[in-house]
PDB file of N, CA and C in Angstrom:
ATOM      1  N   UNK A   1       1.211  -1.236   0.479  1.00  0.00           N
ATOM      2  CA  UNK A   1       0.196   0.242   0.443  1.00  0.00           C
ATOM      3  C   UNK A   1       0.665   0.876   0.079  1.00  0.00           C
ATOM      4  N   UNK A   2       1.960   0.590   0.578  1.00  0.00           N
ATOM      5  CA  UNK A   2       3.126   2.399   0.767  1.00  0.00           C
ATOM      6  C   UNK A   2       3.783   2.622   0.069  1.00  0.00           C
ATOM      7  N   UNK A   3       4.212   1.258  -0.836  1.00  0.00           N
ATOM      8  CA  UNK A   3       5.483   0.628  -1.860  1.00  0.00           C
ATOM      9  C   UNK A   3       6.464   2.193  -1.963  1.00  0.00           C
ATOM     10  N   UNK A   4       5.912   3.347  -2.371  1.00  0.00           N
ATOM     11  CA  UNK A   4       6.775   3.637  -2.338  1.00  0.00           C
ATOM     12  C   UNK A   4       7.191   5.408  -1.653  1.00  0.00           C
ATOM     13  N   UNK A   5       6.463   5.236  -0.575  1.00  0.00           N
ATOM     14  CA  UNK A   5       7.084   5.348   0.989  1.00  0.00           C
ATOM     15  C   UNK A   5       8.212   4.880   0.669  1.00  0.00           C
ATOM     16  N   UNK A   6       7.936   3.632   1.275  1.00  0.00           N
ATOM     17  CA  UNK A   6       9.929   2.544   0.950  1.00  0.00           C
ATOM     18  C   UNK A   6      10.443   2.700   0.744  1.00  0.00           C
ATOM     19  N   UNK A   7       9.726   2.471  -0.932  1.00  0.00           N
ATOM     20  CA  UNK A   7      10.859   2.664  -1.663  1.00  0.00           C
ATOM     21  C   UNK A   7      12.495   3.836  -1.550  1.00  0.00           C
ATOM     22  N   UNK A   8      10.821   4.919  -1.343  1.00  0.00           N
ATOM     23  CA  UNK A   8      12.191   6.527  -1.165  1.00  0.00           C
ATOM     24  C   UNK A   8      13.475   6.456   0.011  1.00  0.00           C
ATOM     25  N   UNK A   9      12.563   5.783   1.746  1.00  0.00           N
ATOM     26  CA  UNK A   9      13.644   5.157   2.320  1.00  0.00           C
ATOM     27  C   UNK A   9      14.795   4.281   3.142  1.00  0.00           C
ATOM     28  N   UNK A  10      14.593   4.003   2.025  1.00  0.00           N
ATOM     29  CA  UNK A  10      14.842   2.765   1.180  1.00  0.00           C
ATOM     30  C   UNK A  10      16.719   3.024   0.669  1.00  0.00           C
ATOM     31  N   UNK A  11      15.944   4.298  -0.579  1.00  0.00           N
ATOM     32  CA  UNK A  11      16.878   5.182  -1.100  1.00  0.00           C
ATOM     33  C   UNK A  11      17.851   5.901  -0.528  1.00  0.00           C
ATOM     34  N   UNK A  12      17.434   6.213   1.147  1.00  0.00           N
ATOM     35  CA  UNK A  12      18.015   7.442   0.929  1.00  0.00           C
ATOM     36  C   UNK A  12      18.788   6.313   1.888  1.00  0.00           C
ATOM     37  N   UNK A  13      18.336   5.029   2.560  1.00  0.00           N
ATOM     38  CA  UNK A  13      18.956   4.227   3.639  1.00  0.00           C
ATOM     39  C   UNK A  13      20.356   3.467   3.080  1.00  0.00           C
ATOM     40  N   UNK A  14      20.450   4.334   1.649  1.00  0.00           N
ATOM     41  CA  UNK A  14      21.186   3.305   0.115  1.00  0.00           C
ATOM     42  C   UNK A  14      22.615   3.466   1.308  1.00  0.00           C
ATOM     43  N   UNK A  15      23.793   3.148   0.143  1.00  0.00           N
ATOM     44  CA  UNK A  15      25.147   3.593   0.424  1.00  0.00           C
ATOM     45  C   UNK A  15      25.649   3.506  -0.244  1.00  0.00           C
ATOM     46  N   UNK A  16      25.218   5.471  -1.070  1.00  0.00           N
ATOM     47  CA  UNK A  16      25.552   5.574  -2.583  1.00  0.00           C
ATOM     48  C   UNK A  16      26.534   6.946  -2.162  1.00  0.00           C
ATOM     49  N   UNK A  17      27.662   6.974  -2.733  1.00  0.00           N
ATOM     50  CA  UNK A  17      27.946   7.768  -2.298  1.00  0.00           C
ATOM     51  C   UNK A  17      29.214   8.663  -3.466  1.00  0.00           C
ATOM     52  N   UNK A  18      29.739  10.623  -4.203  1.00  0.00           N
ATOM     53  CA  UNK A  18      29.850  10.280  -4.634  1.00  0.00           C
ATOM     54  C   UNK A  18      28.671  11.044  -5.314  1.00  0.00           C
ATOM     55  N   UNK A  19      29.548  11.883  -6.601  1.00  0.00           N
ATOM     56  CA  UNK A  19      28.657  12.898  -7.660  1.00  0.00           C
ATOM     57  C   UNK A  19      28.426  12.219  -9.233  1.00  0.00           C
ATOM     58  N   UNK A  20      28.438  12.436  -9.708  1.00  0.00           N
ATOM     59  CA  UNK A  20      27.686  12.279 -10.847  1.00  0.00           C
ATOM     60  C   UNK A  20      26.175  10.888 -10.209  1.00  0.00           C
ATOM     61  N   UNK A  21      25.222  10.354  -9.638  1.00  0.00           N
ATOM     62  CA  UNK A  21      24.451   9.004  -9.641  1.00  0.00           C
ATOM     63  C   UNK A  21      24.094   9.408 -10.366  1.00  0.00           C
ATOM     64  N   UNK A  22      24.344   8.047 -10.692  1.00  0.00           N
ATOM     65  CA  UNK A  22      23.064   8.354 -12.178  1.00  0.00           C
ATOM     66  C   UNK A  22      21.365   7.697 -11.868  1.00  0.00           C
ATOM     67  N   UNK A  23      20.225   8.202 -11.768  1.00  0.00           N
ATOM     68  CA  UNK A  23      19.413   7.669 -11.379  1.00  0.00           C
ATOM     69  C   UNK A  23      18.129   6.618 -12.276  1.00  0.00           C
ATOM     70  N   UNK A  24      17.877   5.761 -11.502  1.00  0.00           N
ATOM     71  CA  UNK A  24      17.657   4.397 -12.071  1.00  0.00           C
ATOM     72  C   UNK A  24      17.194   2.743 -11.329  1.00  0.00           C
ATOM     73  N   UNK A  25      16.011   2.533 -11.898  1.00  0.00           N
ATOM     74  CA  UNK A  25      15.597   1.637 -11.028  1.00  0.00           C
ATOM     75  C   UNK A  25      16.615   0.387 -10.144  1.00  0.00           C
ATOM     76  N   UNK A  26      17.513   0.025 -10.876  1.00  0.00           N
ATOM     77  CA  UNK A  26      18.958  -0.558 -10.690  1.00  0.00           C
ATOM     78  C   UNK A  26      19.456  -0.535  -9.180  1.00  0.00           C
ATOM     79  N   UNK A  27      19.195  -0.073  -9.457  1.00  0.00           N
ATOM     80  CA  UNK A  27      20.264   1.063  -8.392  1.00  0.00           C
ATOM     81  C   UNK A  27      19.052   0.389  -6.858  1.00  0.00           C
ATOM     82  N   UNK A  28      18.220   0.757  -6.505  1.00  0.00           N
ATOM     83  CA  UNK A  28      17.863   0.006  -5.817  1.00  0.00           C
ATOM     84  C   UNK A  28      17.524  -1.882  -5.937  1.00  0.00           C
ATOM     85  N   UNK A  29      18.080  -2.705  -6.221  1.00  0.00           N
ATOM     86  CA  UNK A  29      18.046  -3.439  -6.221  1.00  0.00           C
ATOM     87  C   UNK A  29      17.173  -4.610  -5.623  1.00  0.00           C
ATOM     88  N   UNK A  30      16.442  -4.188  -6.565  1.00  0.00           N
ATOM     89  CA  UNK A  30      13.556  -4.565  -6.067  1.00  0.00           C
ATOM     90  C   UNK A  30      14.353  -6.105  -7.470  1.00  0.00           C
ATOM     91  N   UNK A  31      13.342  -7.454  -6.729  1.00  0.00           N
ATOM     92  CA  UNK A  31      13.409  -7.911  -7.264  1.00  0.00           C
ATOM     93  C   UNK A  31      11.794  -8.073  -8.663  1.00  0.00           C
ATOM     94  N   UNK A  32      10.828  -7.615  -7.760  1.00  0.00           N
ATOM     95  CA  UNK A  32       9.933  -7.785  -7.491  1.00  0.00           C
ATOM     96  C   UNK A  32       9.161  -6.597  -8.411  1.00  0.00           C
ATOM     97  N   UNK A  33       8.059  -7.051 -10.100  1.00  0.00           N
ATOM     98  CA  UNK A  33       7.939  -6.432 -11.108  1.00  0.00           C
ATOM     99  C   UNK A  33       6.913  -5.861 -10.183  1.00  0.00           C
ATOM    100  N   UNK A  34       6.687  -5.681  -9.819  1.00  0.00           N
ATOM    101  CA  UNK A  34       5.592  -4.258  -9.443  1.00  0.00           C
ATOM    102  C   UNK A  34       6.593  -2.624  -8.224  1.00  0.00           C
ATOM    103  N   UNK A  35       7.247  -3.454  -7.379  1.00  0.00           N
ATOM    104  CA  UNK A  35       8.165  -2.879  -6.841  1.00  0.00           C
ATOM    105  C   UNK A  35       8.884  -1.642  -8.240  1.00  0.00           C
ATOM    106  N   UNK A  36       9.755  -2.480  -8.569  1.00  0.00           N
ATOM    107  CA  UNK A  36      10.281  -2.034 -10.224  1.00  0.00           C
ATOM    108  C   UNK A  36       8.680  -0.721 -10.728  1.00  0.00           C
ATOM    109  N   UNK A  37       8.208  -0.972 -10.973  1.00  0.00           N
ATOM    110  CA  UNK A  37       7.026   0.058 -11.781  1.00  0.00           C
ATOM    111  C   UNK A  37       6.949   1.528 -10.235  1.00  0.00           C
ATOM    112  N   UNK A  38       7.171   0.997  -9.482  1.00  0.00           N
ATOM    113  CA  UNK A  38       6.788   1.639  -8.692  1.00  0.00           C
ATOM    114  C   UNK A  38       7.903   2.692  -8.330  1.00  0.00           C
ATOM    115  N   UNK A  39       8.633   1.817  -8.102  1.00  0.00           N
ATOM    116  CA  UNK A  39      10.690   2.755  -8.310  1.00  0.00           C
ATOM    117  C   UNK A  39      10.605   3.719  -9.136  1.00  0.00           C
ATOM    118  N   UNK A  40      10.436   3.124  -9.969  1.00  0.00           N
ATOM    119  CA  UNK A  40      10.604   4.059 -11.662  1.00  0.00           C
ATOM    120  C   UNK A  40       9.646   5.892 -11.767  1.00  0.00           C
ATOM    121  N   UNK A  41       8.823   5.520 -10.706  1.00  0.00           N
ATOM    122  CA  UNK A  41       7.329   6.164 -10.426  1.00  0.00           C
ATOM    123  C   UNK A  41       8.402   7.494  -9.401  1.00  0.00           C
ATOM    124  N   UNK A  42       8.771   7.200  -8.671  1.00  0.00           N
ATOM    125  CA  UNK A  42       9.476   7.473  -7.254  1.00  0.00           C
ATOM    126  C   UNK A  42      10.879   8.278  -7.730  1.00  0.00           C
ATOM    127  N   UNK A  43      11.116   7.191  -9.153  1.00  0.00           N
ATOM    128  CA  UNK A  43      12.956   7.894  -9.817  1.00  0.00           C
ATOM    129  C   UNK A  43      12.634   9.272 -10.409  1.00  0.00           C
ATOM    130  N   UNK A  44      11.152   9.010 -11.278  1.00  0.00           N
ATOM    131  CA  UNK A  44      11.214  10.159 -11.931  1.00  0.00           C
ATOM    132  C   UNK A  44      10.254  11.268 -11.173  1.00  0.00           C
ATOM    133  N   UNK A  45       9.930  10.958 -10.082  1.00  0.00           N
ATOM    134  CA  UNK A  45       9.914  12.149  -9.296  1.00  0.00           C
ATOM    135  C   UNK A  45      11.041  13.275  -8.817  1.00  0.00           C
ATOM    136  N   UNK A  46      11.928  12.283  -8.455  1.00  0.00           N
ATOM    137  CA  UNK A  46      12.709  13.079  -8.169  1.00  0.00           C
ATOM    138  C   UNK A  46      14.304  13.515  -8.946  1.00  0.00           C
ATOM    139  N   UNK A  47      13.464  12.256  -9.827  1.00  0.00           N
ATOM    140  CA  UNK A  47      14.592  13.241 -10.474  1.00  0.00           C
ATOM    141  C   UNK A  47      14.004  14.776 -11.536  1.00  0.00           C
ATOM    142  N   UNK A  48      12.381  14.803 -11.433  1.00  0.00           N
ATOM    143  CA  UNK A  48      12.338  15.944 -11.215  1.00  0.00           C
ATOM    144  C   UNK A  48      12.779  17.278 -10.610  1.00  0.00           C
ATOM    145  N   UNK A  49      12.768  16.727  -9.784  1.00  0.00           N
ATOM    146  CA  UNK A  49      13.972  17.788  -8.661  1.00  0.00           C
ATOM    147  C   UNK A  49      15.179  18.266  -8.693  1.00  0.00           C
ATOM    148  N   UNK A  50      16.409  16.588  -9.151  1.00  0.00           N
ATOM    149  CA  UNK A  50      17.107  17.335  -9.293  1.00  0.00           C
ATOM    150  C   UNK A  50      17.686  17.105 -10.478  1.00  0.00           C
ATOM    151  N   UNK A  51      17.700  16.805 -11.637  1.00  0.00           N
ATOM    152  CA  UNK A  51      18.033  15.380 -12.438  1.00  0.00           C
ATOM    153  C   UNK A  51      18.599  14.633 -12.422  1.00  0.00           C
ATOM    154  N   UNK A  52      18.255  13.892 -13.839  1.00  0.00           N
ATOM    155  CA  UNK A  52      18.962  12.753 -13.964  1.00  0.00           C
ATOM    156  C   UNK A  52      20.124  12.107 -12.673  1.00  0.00           C
ATOM    157  N   UNK A  53      21.414  13.290 -13.000  1.00  0.00           N
ATOM    158  CA  UNK A  53      22.751  12.725 -13.544  1.00  0.00           C
ATOM    159  C   UNK A  53      22.350  13.940 -11.825  1.00  0.00           C
ATOM    160  N   UNK A  54      23.259  13.240 -10.810  1.00  0.00           N
ATOM    161  CA  UNK A  54      22.749  13.896  -9.418  1.00  0.00           C
ATOM    162  C   UNK A  54      23.800  13.657  -8.169  1.00  0.00           C
ATOM    163  N   UNK A  55      24.628  14.634  -7.763  1.00  0.00           N
ATOM    164  CA  UNK A  55      24.981  14.748  -6.142  1.00  0.00           C
ATOM    165  C   UNK A  55      24.395  13.616  -5.307  1.00  0.00           C
ATOM    166  N   UNK A  56      24.570  11.945  -4.617  1.00  0.00           N
ATOM    167  CA  UNK A  56      24.680  11.794  -3.595  1.00  0.00           C
ATOM    168  C   UNK A  56      23.419  12.133  -2.618  1.00  0.00           C
ATOM    169  N   UNK A  57      24.035  13.606  -2.269  1.00  0.00           N
ATOM    170  CA  UNK A  57      23.614  14.271  -0.751  1.00  0.00           C
ATOM    171  C   UNK A  57      22.564  14.676  -1.515  1.00  0.00           C
ATOM    172  N   UNK A  58      22.223  14.880  -2.159  1.00  0.00           N
ATOM    173  CA  UNK A  58      21.059  15.985  -3.288  1.00  0.00           C
ATOM    174  C   UNK A  58      20.252  14.590  -3.836  1.00  0.00           C
ATOM    175  N   UNK A  59      20.621  13.320  -3.994  1.00  0.00           N
ATOM    176  CA  UNK A  59      19.551  12.735  -4.295  1.00  0.00           C
ATOM    177  C   UNK A  59      19.234  11.912  -2.393  1.00  0.00           C
ATOM    178  N   UNK A  60      19.515  12.270  -1.874  1.00  0.00           N
ATOM    179  CA  UNK A  60      19.495  11.528  -0.451  1.00  0.00           C
ATOM    180  C   UNK A  60      17.823  12.399  -0.071  1.00  0.00           C
ATOM    181  N   UNK A  61      18.555  14.153   0.095  1.00  0.00           N
ATOM    182  CA  UNK A  61      16.902  15.353   0.110  1.00  0.00           C
ATOM    183  C   UNK A  61      16.420  14.649  -0.023  1.00  0.00           C
ATOM    184  N   UNK A  62      16.078  14.826  -1.464  1.00  0.00           N
ATOM    185  CA  UNK A  62      14.864  14.760  -2.740  1.00  0.00           C
ATOM    186  C   UNK A  62      14.697  13.714  -1.812  1.00  0.00           C
ATOM    187  N   UNK A  63      14.453  12.408  -1.424  1.00  0.00           N
ATOM    188  CA  UNK A  63      13.669  11.257  -1.434  1.00  0.00           C
ATOM    189  C   UNK A  63      13.599  11.394  -0.354  1.00  0.00           C
ATOM    190  N   UNK A  64      13.792  11.874   1.263  1.00  0.00           N
ATOM    191  CA  UNK A  64      13.212  12.520   1.816  1.00  0.00           C
ATOM    192  C   UNK A  64      12.439  14.193   2.399  1.00  0.00           C
ATOM    193  N   UNK A  65      12.404  15.195   1.014  1.00  0.00           N
ATOM    194  CA  UNK A  65      11.428  15.850   0.497  1.00  0.00           C
ATOM    195  C   UNK A  65      10.269  14.598   0.713  1.00  0.00           C
ATOM    196  N   UNK A  66      10.493  13.556  -1.060  1.00  0.00           N
ATOM    197  CA  UNK A  66       9.122  12.343  -1.136  1.00  0.00           C
ATOM    198  C   UNK A  66       9.118  12.099   0.002  1.00  0.00           C
ATOM    199  N   UNK A  67       9.104  12.041   0.449  1.00  0.00           N
ATOM    200  CA  UNK A  67       8.862  11.103   2.285  1.00  0.00           C
ATOM    201  C   UNK A  67       8.142  12.257   2.617  1.00  0.00           C
ATOM    202  N   UNK A  68       8.350  13.157   3.442  1.00  0.00           N
ATOM    203  CA  UNK A  68       7.427  14.450   3.776  1.00  0.00           C
ATOM    204  C   UNK A  68       6.257  14.186   3.948  1.00  0.00           C
ATOM    205  N   UNK A  69       6.600  15.085   2.271  1.00  0.00           N
ATOM    206  CA  UNK A  69       4.899  15.466   0.879  1.00  0.00           C
ATOM    207  C   UNK A  69       3.925  13.917   1.183  1.00  0.00           C
ATOM    208  N   UNK A  70       4.616  12.970   1.265  1.00  0.00           N
ATOM    209  CA  UNK A  70       4.009  11.448   0.929  1.00  0.00           C
ATOM    210  C   UNK A  70       3.148  11.776   2.280  1.00  0.00           C
ATOM    211  N   UNK A  71       3.704  11.533   2.942  1.00  0.00           N
ATOM    212  CA  UNK A  71       3.225  11.779   4.677  1.00  0.00           C
ATOM    213  C   UNK A  71       2.543  12.425   5.006  1.00  0.00           C
ATOM    214  N   UNK A  72       2.891  13.665   4.856  1.00  0.00           N
ATOM    215  CA  UNK A  72       1.159  14.781   5.216  1.00  0.00           C
ATOM    216  C   UNK A  72       0.322  14.721   3.801  1.00  0.00           C
ATOM    217  N   UNK A  73       0.723  14.242   2.702  1.00  0.00           N
ATOM    218  CA  UNK A  73      -0.974  13.289   2.290  1.00  0.00           C
ATOM    219  C   UNK A  73      -1.894  12.683   2.688  1.00  0.00           C
ATOM    220  N   UNK A  74      -1.089  12.322   3.800  1.00  0.00           N
ATOM    221  CA  UNK A  74      -1.902  11.248   4.103  1.00  0.00           C
ATOM    222  C   UNK A  74      -1.863  11.300   5.546  1.00  0.00           C
ATOM    223  N   UNK A  75      -1.280  12.276   6.265  1.00  0.00           N
ATOM    224  CA  UNK A  75      -2.344  12.728   7.247  1.00  0.00           C
ATOM    225  C   UNK A  75      -2.770  13.977   6.731  1.00  0.00           C
TER     226      UNK A  75
END
């Protein structure tokens, strides 16, 4: 039900380092097809915020912002 929030949280907790990180579903290492589709939706939202290639710290901040916005919508 809240797969998108879980996937964004996983993105925040991943040990991604460096500059020039490309956003793609394989970055999250998901196996279920529905999870991959949900991840592509979340990554598209983050891509609109930071661009296709971004710094790892900026990606984590954007994913945190996504989690905050989704939780505020639900409350």
